[in-house]
Structures are given as structure tokens and as C-alpha cells.
Amino acid sequence: SLNISEPTVKTHLANIYFKLGVDSRASAVA
């Protein structure tokens, strides 16, 4: 959808987890 690579998505997710203080997708959403 965003025209980026899967590794790039994973990197962004890792940054999101760090900023929100979580370690999973579900926790990030919650």
C-alpha cells in the first residue's frame, strides 16, 4: 500500500514500539 519494502515496514514498527513502550502490534494498537 505504501510502496515500501517489508524490512522498512518492520523498521518503522520497531520505532513505533519503542516510542509507545510496547513490543507487539496488538499492544501498540491498544
PDB file of all heavy atoms in Angstrom:
ATOM      1  N   SER A   1       0.822  -1.219   0.000  1.00  0.00           N
ATOM      2  CA  SER A   1       0.000   0.000   0.000  1.00  0.00           C
ATOM      3  C   SER A   1       0.853   1.265   0.000  1.00  0.00           C
ATOM      4  O   SER A   1       0.511   2.256  -0.649  1.00  0.00           O
ATOM      5  CB  SER A   1      -0.927   0.005   1.228  1.00  0.00           C
ATOM      6  OG  SER A   1      -1.822  -1.077   1.204  1.00  0.00           O
ATOM      7  N   LEU A   2       1.976   1.220   0.731  1.00  0.00           N
ATOM      8  CA  LEU A   2       2.816   2.413   0.876  1.00  0.00           C
ATOM      9  C   LEU A   2       3.998   2.432  -0.087  1.00  0.00           C
ATOM     10  O   LEU A   2       4.815   3.350  -0.053  1.00  0.00           O
ATOM     11  CB  LEU A   2       3.318   2.509   2.320  1.00  0.00           C
ATOM     12  CG  LEU A   2       2.224   2.644   3.396  1.00  0.00           C
ATOM     13  CD1 LEU A   2       2.855   2.735   4.782  1.00  0.00           C
ATOM     14  CD2 LEU A   2       1.347   3.860   3.132  1.00  0.00           C
ATOM     15  N   ASN A   3       4.100   1.367  -0.899  1.00  0.00           N
ATOM     16  CA  ASN A   3       5.189   1.264  -1.880  1.00  0.00           C
ATOM     17  C   ASN A   3       6.566   1.315  -1.217  1.00  0.00           C
ATOM     18  O   ASN A   3       7.473   2.017  -1.658  1.00  0.00           O
ATOM     19  CB  ASN A   3       5.073   2.389  -2.928  1.00  0.00           C
ATOM     20  CG  ASN A   3       5.928   2.113  -4.158  1.00  0.00           C
ATOM     21  OD1 ASN A   3       6.191   0.957  -4.500  1.00  0.00           O
ATOM     22  ND2 ASN A   3       6.382   3.172  -4.805  1.00  0.00           N
ATOM     23  N   ILE A   4       6.698   0.544  -0.136  1.00  0.00           N
ATOM     24  CA  ILE A   4       7.974   0.404   0.552  1.00  0.00           C
ATOM     25  C   ILE A   4       8.237  -1.081   0.761  1.00  0.00           C
ATOM     26  O   ILE A   4       7.370  -1.917   0.507  1.00  0.00           O
ATOM     27  CB  ILE A   4       7.990   1.148   1.910  1.00  0.00           C
ATOM     28  CG1 ILE A   4       6.862   0.621   2.824  1.00  0.00           C
ATOM     29  CG2 ILE A   4       7.857   2.655   1.711  1.00  0.00           C
ATOM     30  CD1 ILE A   4       6.836   1.276   4.191  1.00  0.00           C
ATOM     31  N   SER A   5       9.431  -1.445   1.221  1.00  0.00           N
ATOM     32  CA  SER A   5       9.763  -2.856   1.422  1.00  0.00           C
ATOM     33  C   SER A   5       9.267  -3.338   2.785  1.00  0.00           C
ATOM     34  O   SER A   5       9.029  -2.537   3.700  1.00  0.00           O
ATOM     35  CB  SER A   5      11.276  -3.059   1.340  1.00  0.00           C
ATOM     36  OG  SER A   5      11.930  -2.440   2.447  1.00  0.00           O
ATOM     37  N   GLU A   6       9.119  -4.656   2.904  1.00  0.00           N
ATOM     38  CA  GLU A   6       8.709  -5.225   4.186  1.00  0.00           C
ATOM     39  C   GLU A   6       9.728  -4.937   5.295  1.00  0.00           C
ATOM     40  O   GLU A   6       9.337  -4.626   6.423  1.00  0.00           O
ATOM     41  CB  GLU A   6       8.469  -6.730   4.049  1.00  0.00           C
ATOM     42  CG  GLU A   6       7.177  -7.078   3.344  1.00  0.00           C
ATOM     43  CD  GLU A   6       6.854  -8.554   3.432  1.00  0.00           C
ATOM     44  OE1 GLU A   6       6.682  -9.060   4.558  1.00  0.00           O
ATOM     45  OE2 GLU A   6       6.803  -9.215   2.372  1.00  0.00           O
ATOM     46  N   PRO A   7      11.054  -5.031   5.022  1.00  0.00           N
ATOM     47  CA  PRO A   7      12.017  -4.676   6.067  1.00  0.00           C
ATOM     48  C   PRO A   7      11.843  -3.235   6.552  1.00  0.00           C
ATOM     49  O   PRO A   7      12.030  -2.947   7.738  1.00  0.00           O
ATOM     50  CB  PRO A   7      13.371  -4.883   5.379  1.00  0.00           C
ATOM     51  CG  PRO A   7      13.111  -5.946   4.379  1.00  0.00           C
ATOM     52  CD  PRO A   7      11.738  -5.640   3.854  1.00  0.00           C
ATOM     53  N   THR A   8      11.474  -2.336   5.636  1.00  0.00           N
ATOM     54  CA  THR A   8      11.247  -0.946   6.032  1.00  0.00           C
ATOM     55  C   THR A   8      10.035  -0.846   6.946  1.00  0.00           C
ATOM     56  O   THR A   8      10.038  -0.094   7.931  1.00  0.00           O
ATOM     57  CB  THR A   8      11.054  -0.055   4.794  1.00  0.00           C
ATOM     58  OG1 THR A   8      12.233  -0.105   3.993  1.00  0.00           O
ATOM     59  CG2 THR A   8      10.789   1.390   5.196  1.00  0.00           C
ATOM     60  N   VAL A   9       9.000  -1.608   6.631  1.00  0.00           N
ATOM     61  CA  VAL A   9       7.815  -1.643   7.496  1.00  0.00           C
ATOM     62  C   VAL A   9       8.209  -2.119   8.892  1.00  0.00           C
ATOM     63  O   VAL A   9       7.799  -1.542   9.907  1.00  0.00           O
ATOM     64  CB  VAL A   9       6.723  -2.560   6.910  1.00  0.00           C
ATOM     65  CG1 VAL A   9       5.577  -2.737   7.915  1.00  0.00           C
ATOM     66  CG2 VAL A   9       6.186  -1.995   5.608  1.00  0.00           C
ATOM     67  N   LYS A  10       9.020  -3.174   8.956  1.00  0.00           N
ATOM     68  CA  LYS A  10       9.443  -3.711  10.250  1.00  0.00           C
ATOM     69  C   LYS A  10      10.270  -2.691  11.035  1.00  0.00           C
ATOM     70  O   LYS A  10      10.151  -2.597  12.259  1.00  0.00           O
ATOM     71  CB  LYS A  10      10.245  -4.998  10.042  1.00  0.00           C
ATOM     72  CG  LYS A  10       9.411  -6.152   9.506  1.00  0.00           C
ATOM     73  CD  LYS A  10      10.254  -7.406   9.300  1.00  0.00           C
ATOM     74  CE  LYS A  10       9.417  -8.554   8.753  1.00  0.00           C
ATOM     75  NZ  LYS A  10      10.236  -9.783   8.533  1.00  0.00           N
ATOM     76  N   THR A  11      11.087  -1.928  10.333  1.00  0.00           N
ATOM     77  CA  THR A  11      11.874  -0.887  10.995  1.00  0.00           C
ATOM     78  C   THR A  11      10.961   0.182  11.585  1.00  0.00           C
ATOM     79  O   THR A  11      11.147   0.617  12.731  1.00  0.00           O
ATOM     80  CB  THR A  11      12.852  -0.235  10.005  1.00  0.00           C
ATOM     81  OG1 THR A  11      13.776  -1.225   9.547  1.00  0.00           O
ATOM     82  CG2 THR A  11      13.632   0.892  10.671  1.00  0.00           C
ATOM     83  N   HIS A  12       9.968   0.611  10.817  1.00  0.00           N
ATOM     84  CA  HIS A  12       9.013   1.603  11.316  1.00  0.00           C
ATOM     85  C   HIS A  12       8.249   1.050  12.523  1.00  0.00           C
ATOM     86  O   HIS A  12       8.013   1.766  13.504  1.00  0.00           O
ATOM     87  CB  HIS A  12       8.031   1.999  10.221  1.00  0.00           C
ATOM     88  CG  HIS A  12       8.605   2.931   9.195  1.00  0.00           C
ATOM     89  ND1 HIS A  12       9.180   4.145   9.528  1.00  0.00           N
ATOM     90  CD2 HIS A  12       8.689   2.845   7.841  1.00  0.00           C
ATOM     91  CE1 HIS A  12       9.588   4.760   8.426  1.00  0.00           C
ATOM     92  NE2 HIS A  12       9.307   3.978   7.394  1.00  0.00           N
ATOM     93  N   LEU A  13       7.859  -0.215  12.455  1.00  0.00           N
ATOM     94  CA  LEU A  13       7.140  -0.826  13.573  1.00  0.00           C
ATOM     95  C   LEU A  13       8.012  -0.855  14.825  1.00  0.00           C
ATOM     96  O   LEU A  13       7.536  -0.595  15.935  1.00  0.00           O
ATOM     97  CB  LEU A  13       6.692  -2.248  13.211  1.00  0.00           C
ATOM     98  CG  LEU A  13       5.493  -2.360  12.265  1.00  0.00           C
ATOM     99  CD1 LEU A  13       5.275  -3.813  11.870  1.00  0.00           C
ATOM    100  CD2 LEU A  13       4.234  -1.799  12.919  1.00  0.00           C
ATOM    101  N   ALA A  14       9.300  -1.173  14.649  1.00  0.00           N
ATOM    102  CA  ALA A  14      10.214  -1.178  15.797  1.00  0.00           C
ATOM    103  C   ALA A  14      10.288   0.204  16.426  1.00  0.00           C
ATOM    104  O   ALA A  14      10.307   0.336  17.667  1.00  0.00           O
ATOM    105  CB  ALA A  14      11.602  -1.642  15.351  1.00  0.00           C
ATOM    106  N   ASN A  15      10.318   1.245  15.600  1.00  0.00           N
ATOM    107  CA  ASN A  15      10.344   2.612  16.123  1.00  0.00           C
ATOM    108  C   ASN A  15       9.046   2.949  16.851  1.00  0.00           C
ATOM    109  O   ASN A  15       9.059   3.608  17.908  1.00  0.00           O
ATOM    110  CB  ASN A  15      10.572   3.609  14.978  1.00  0.00           C
ATOM    111  CG  ASN A  15      11.969   3.528  14.395  1.00  0.00           C
ATOM    112  OD1 ASN A  15      12.908   3.102  15.067  1.00  0.00           O
ATOM    113  ND2 ASN A  15      12.118   3.922  13.142  1.00  0.00           N
ATOM    114  N   ILE A  16       7.920   2.504  16.302  1.00  0.00           N
ATOM    115  CA  ILE A  16       6.622   2.735  16.942  1.00  0.00           C
ATOM    116  C   ILE A  16       6.584   2.043  18.297  1.00  0.00           C
ATOM    117  O   ILE A  16       6.154   2.620  19.302  1.00  0.00           O
ATOM    118  CB  ILE A  16       5.481   2.233  16.043  1.00  0.00           C
ATOM    119  CG1 ILE A  16       5.376   3.111  14.785  1.00  0.00           C
ATOM    120  CG2 ILE A  16       4.153   2.238  16.793  1.00  0.00           C
ATOM    121  CD1 ILE A  16       4.444   2.547  13.725  1.00  0.00           C
ATOM    122  N   TYR A  17       7.032   0.780  18.332  1.00  0.00           N
ATOM    123  CA  TYR A  17       7.048   0.036  19.593  1.00  0.00           C
ATOM    124  C   TYR A  17       7.884   0.774  20.642  1.00  0.00           C
ATOM    125  O   TYR A  17       7.485   0.889  21.806  1.00  0.00           O
ATOM    126  CB  TYR A  17       7.619  -1.366  19.392  1.00  0.00           C
ATOM    127  CG  TYR A  17       6.824  -2.274  18.484  1.00  0.00           C
ATOM    128  CD1 TYR A  17       7.386  -3.455  17.998  1.00  0.00           C
ATOM    129  CD2 TYR A  17       5.525  -1.962  18.087  1.00  0.00           C
ATOM    130  CE1 TYR A  17       6.676  -4.308  17.171  1.00  0.00           C
ATOM    131  CE2 TYR A  17       4.809  -2.802  17.263  1.00  0.00           C
ATOM    132  CZ  TYR A  17       5.388  -3.973  16.798  1.00  0.00           C
ATOM    133  OH  TYR A  17       4.695  -4.806  15.973  1.00  0.00           O
ATOM    134  N   PHE A  18       9.062   1.251  20.215  1.00  0.00           N
ATOM    135  CA  PHE A  18       9.955   1.940  21.148  1.00  0.00           C
ATOM    136  C   PHE A  18       9.301   3.203  21.698  1.00  0.00           C
ATOM    137  O   PHE A  18       9.325   3.465  22.901  1.00  0.00           O
ATOM    138  CB  PHE A  18      11.269   2.293  20.451  1.00  0.00           C
ATOM    139  CG  PHE A  18      12.217   3.095  21.305  1.00  0.00           C
ATOM    140  CD1 PHE A  18      12.949   2.481  22.309  1.00  0.00           C
ATOM    141  CD2 PHE A  18      12.353   4.462  21.121  1.00  0.00           C
ATOM    142  CE1 PHE A  18      13.813   3.218  23.113  1.00  0.00           C
ATOM    143  CE2 PHE A  18      13.206   5.210  21.909  1.00  0.00           C
ATOM    144  CZ  PHE A  18      13.941   4.586  22.913  1.00  0.00           C
ATOM    145  N   LYS A  19       8.691   3.981  20.826  1.00  0.00           N
ATOM    146  CA  LYS A  19       8.099   5.249  21.259  1.00  0.00           C
ATOM    147  C   LYS A  19       6.873   5.040  22.152  1.00  0.00           C
ATOM    148  O   LYS A  19       6.606   5.855  23.043  1.00  0.00           O
ATOM    149  CB  LYS A  19       7.724   6.096  20.042  1.00  0.00           C
ATOM    150  CG  LYS A  19       8.938   6.604  19.267  1.00  0.00           C
ATOM    151  CD  LYS A  19       8.538   7.394  18.033  1.00  0.00           C
ATOM    152  CE  LYS A  19       9.759   7.885  17.268  1.00  0.00           C
ATOM    153  NZ  LYS A  19       9.385   8.671  16.063  1.00  0.00           N
ATOM    154  N   LEU A  20       6.129   3.956  21.902  1.00  0.00           N
ATOM    155  CA  LEU A  20       4.940   3.682  22.708  1.00  0.00           C
ATOM    156  C   LEU A  20       5.248   2.819  23.928  1.00  0.00           C
ATOM    157  O   LEU A  20       4.389   2.621  24.777  1.00  0.00           O
ATOM    158  CB  LEU A  20       3.868   2.998  21.846  1.00  0.00           C
ATOM    159  CG  LEU A  20       3.258   3.825  20.712  1.00  0.00           C
ATOM    160  CD1 LEU A  20       2.225   2.992  19.946  1.00  0.00           C
ATOM    161  CD2 LEU A  20       2.621   5.100  21.243  1.00  0.00           C
ATOM    162  N   GLY A  21       6.481   2.284  23.989  1.00  0.00           N
ATOM    163  CA  GLY A  21       6.861   1.450  25.116  1.00  0.00           C
ATOM    164  C   GLY A  21       6.202   0.084  25.110  1.00  0.00           C
ATOM    165  O   GLY A  21       5.848  -0.456  26.152  1.00  0.00           O
ATOM    166  N   VAL A  22       6.040  -0.494  23.903  1.00  0.00           N
ATOM    167  CA  VAL A  22       5.402  -1.801  23.766  1.00  0.00           C
ATOM    168  C   VAL A  22       6.304  -2.714  22.937  1.00  0.00           C
ATOM    169  O   VAL A  22       7.352  -2.285  22.459  1.00  0.00           O
ATOM    170  CB  VAL A  22       4.015  -1.672  23.089  1.00  0.00           C
ATOM    171  CG1 VAL A  22       3.085  -0.787  23.920  1.00  0.00           C
ATOM    172  CG2 VAL A  22       4.147  -1.101  21.674  1.00  0.00           C
ATOM    173  N   ASP A  23       5.864  -3.973  22.752  1.00  0.00           N
ATOM    174  CA  ASP A  23       6.686  -4.888  21.962  1.00  0.00           C
ATOM    175  C   ASP A  23       5.868  -5.782  21.037  1.00  0.00           C
ATOM    176  O   ASP A  23       6.321  -6.842  20.625  1.00  0.00           O
ATOM    177  CB  ASP A  23       7.571  -5.746  22.870  1.00  0.00           C
ATOM    178  CG  ASP A  23       6.771  -6.574  23.860  1.00  0.00           C
ATOM    179  OD1 ASP A  23       5.524  -6.564  23.760  1.00  0.00           O
ATOM    180  OD2 ASP A  23       7.386  -7.219  24.723  1.00  0.00           O
ATOM    181  N   SER A  24       4.640  -5.364  20.713  1.00  0.00           N
ATOM    182  CA  SER A  24       3.840  -6.140  19.776  1.00  0.00           C
ATOM    183  C   SER A  24       2.837  -5.238  19.081  1.00  0.00           C
ATOM    184  O   SER A  24       2.526  -4.142  19.555  1.00  0.00           O
ATOM    185  CB  SER A  24       3.097  -7.274  20.500  1.00  0.00           C
ATOM    186  OG  SER A  24       2.036  -6.752  21.286  1.00  0.00           O
ATOM    187  N   ARG A  25       2.311  -5.719  17.967  1.00  0.00           N
ATOM    188  CA  ARG A  25       1.321  -4.959  17.197  1.00  0.00           C
ATOM    189  C   ARG A  25       0.062  -4.697  18.025  1.00  0.00           C
ATOM    190  O   ARG A  25      -0.456  -3.579  18.058  1.00  0.00           O
ATOM    191  CB  ARG A  25       0.959  -5.731  15.927  1.00  0.00           C
ATOM    192  CG  ARG A  25       2.110  -5.944  14.981  1.00  0.00           C
ATOM    193  CD  ARG A  25       1.776  -7.029  13.966  1.00  0.00           C
ATOM    194  NE  ARG A  25       0.856  -6.563  12.936  1.00  0.00           N
ATOM    195  CZ  ARG A  25       1.245  -6.078  11.767  1.00  0.00           C
ATOM    196  NH1 ARG A  25       2.546  -5.961  11.494  1.00  0.00           N
ATOM    197  NH2 ARG A  25       0.371  -5.717  10.863  1.00  0.00           N
ATOM    198  N   ALA A  26      -0.422  -5.763  18.667  1.00  0.00           N
ATOM    199  CA  ALA A  26      -1.654  -5.618  19.432  1.00  0.00           C
ATOM    200  C   ALA A  26      -1.490  -4.623  20.573  1.00  0.00           C
ATOM    201  O   ALA A  26      -2.378  -3.810  20.843  1.00  0.00           O
ATOM    202  CB  ALA A  26      -2.091  -6.980  19.972  1.00  0.00           C
ATOM    203  N   SER A  27      -0.351  -4.692  21.250  1.00  0.00           N
ATOM    204  CA  SER A  27      -0.098  -3.760  22.346  1.00  0.00           C
ATOM    205  C   SER A  27       0.009  -2.333  21.831  1.00  0.00           C
ATOM    206  O   SER A  27      -0.464  -1.391  22.472  1.00  0.00           O
ATOM    207  CB  SER A  27       1.190  -4.138  23.086  1.00  0.00           C
ATOM    208  OG  SER A  27       1.060  -5.390  23.707  1.00  0.00           O
ATOM    209  N   ALA A  28       0.628  -2.161  20.660  1.00  0.00           N
ATOM    210  CA  ALA A  28       0.746  -0.820  20.074  1.00  0.00           C
ATOM    211  C   ALA A  28      -0.626  -0.240  19.789  1.00  0.00           C
ATOM    212  O   ALA A  28      -0.908   0.930  20.077  1.00  0.00           O
ATOM    213  CB  ALA A  28       1.572  -0.880  18.792  1.00  0.00           C
ATOM    214  N   VAL A  29      -1.519  -1.067  19.227  1.00  0.00           N
ATOM    215  CA  VAL A  29      -2.878  -0.613  18.946  1.00  0.00           C
ATOM    216  C   VAL A  29      -3.612  -0.274  20.235  1.00  0.00           C
ATOM    217  O   VAL A  29      -4.258   0.776  20.354  1.00  0.00           O
ATOM    218  CB  VAL A  29      -3.658  -1.679  18.143  1.00  0.00           C
ATOM    219  CG1 VAL A  29      -5.132  -1.306  18.040  1.00  0.00           C
ATOM    220  CG2 VAL A  29      -3.067  -1.837  16.752  1.00  0.00           C
ATOM    221  N   ALA A  30      -3.497  -1.162  21.235  1.00  0.00           N
ATOM    222  CA  ALA A  30      -4.208  -0.944  22.492  1.00  0.00           C
ATOM    223  C   ALA A  30      -3.739   0.334  23.195  1.00  0.00           C
ATOM    224  O   ALA A  30      -4.557   1.140  23.659  1.00  0.00           O
ATOM    225  CB  ALA A  30      -4.018  -2.153  23.416  1.00  0.00           C
TER     226      ALA A  30
END
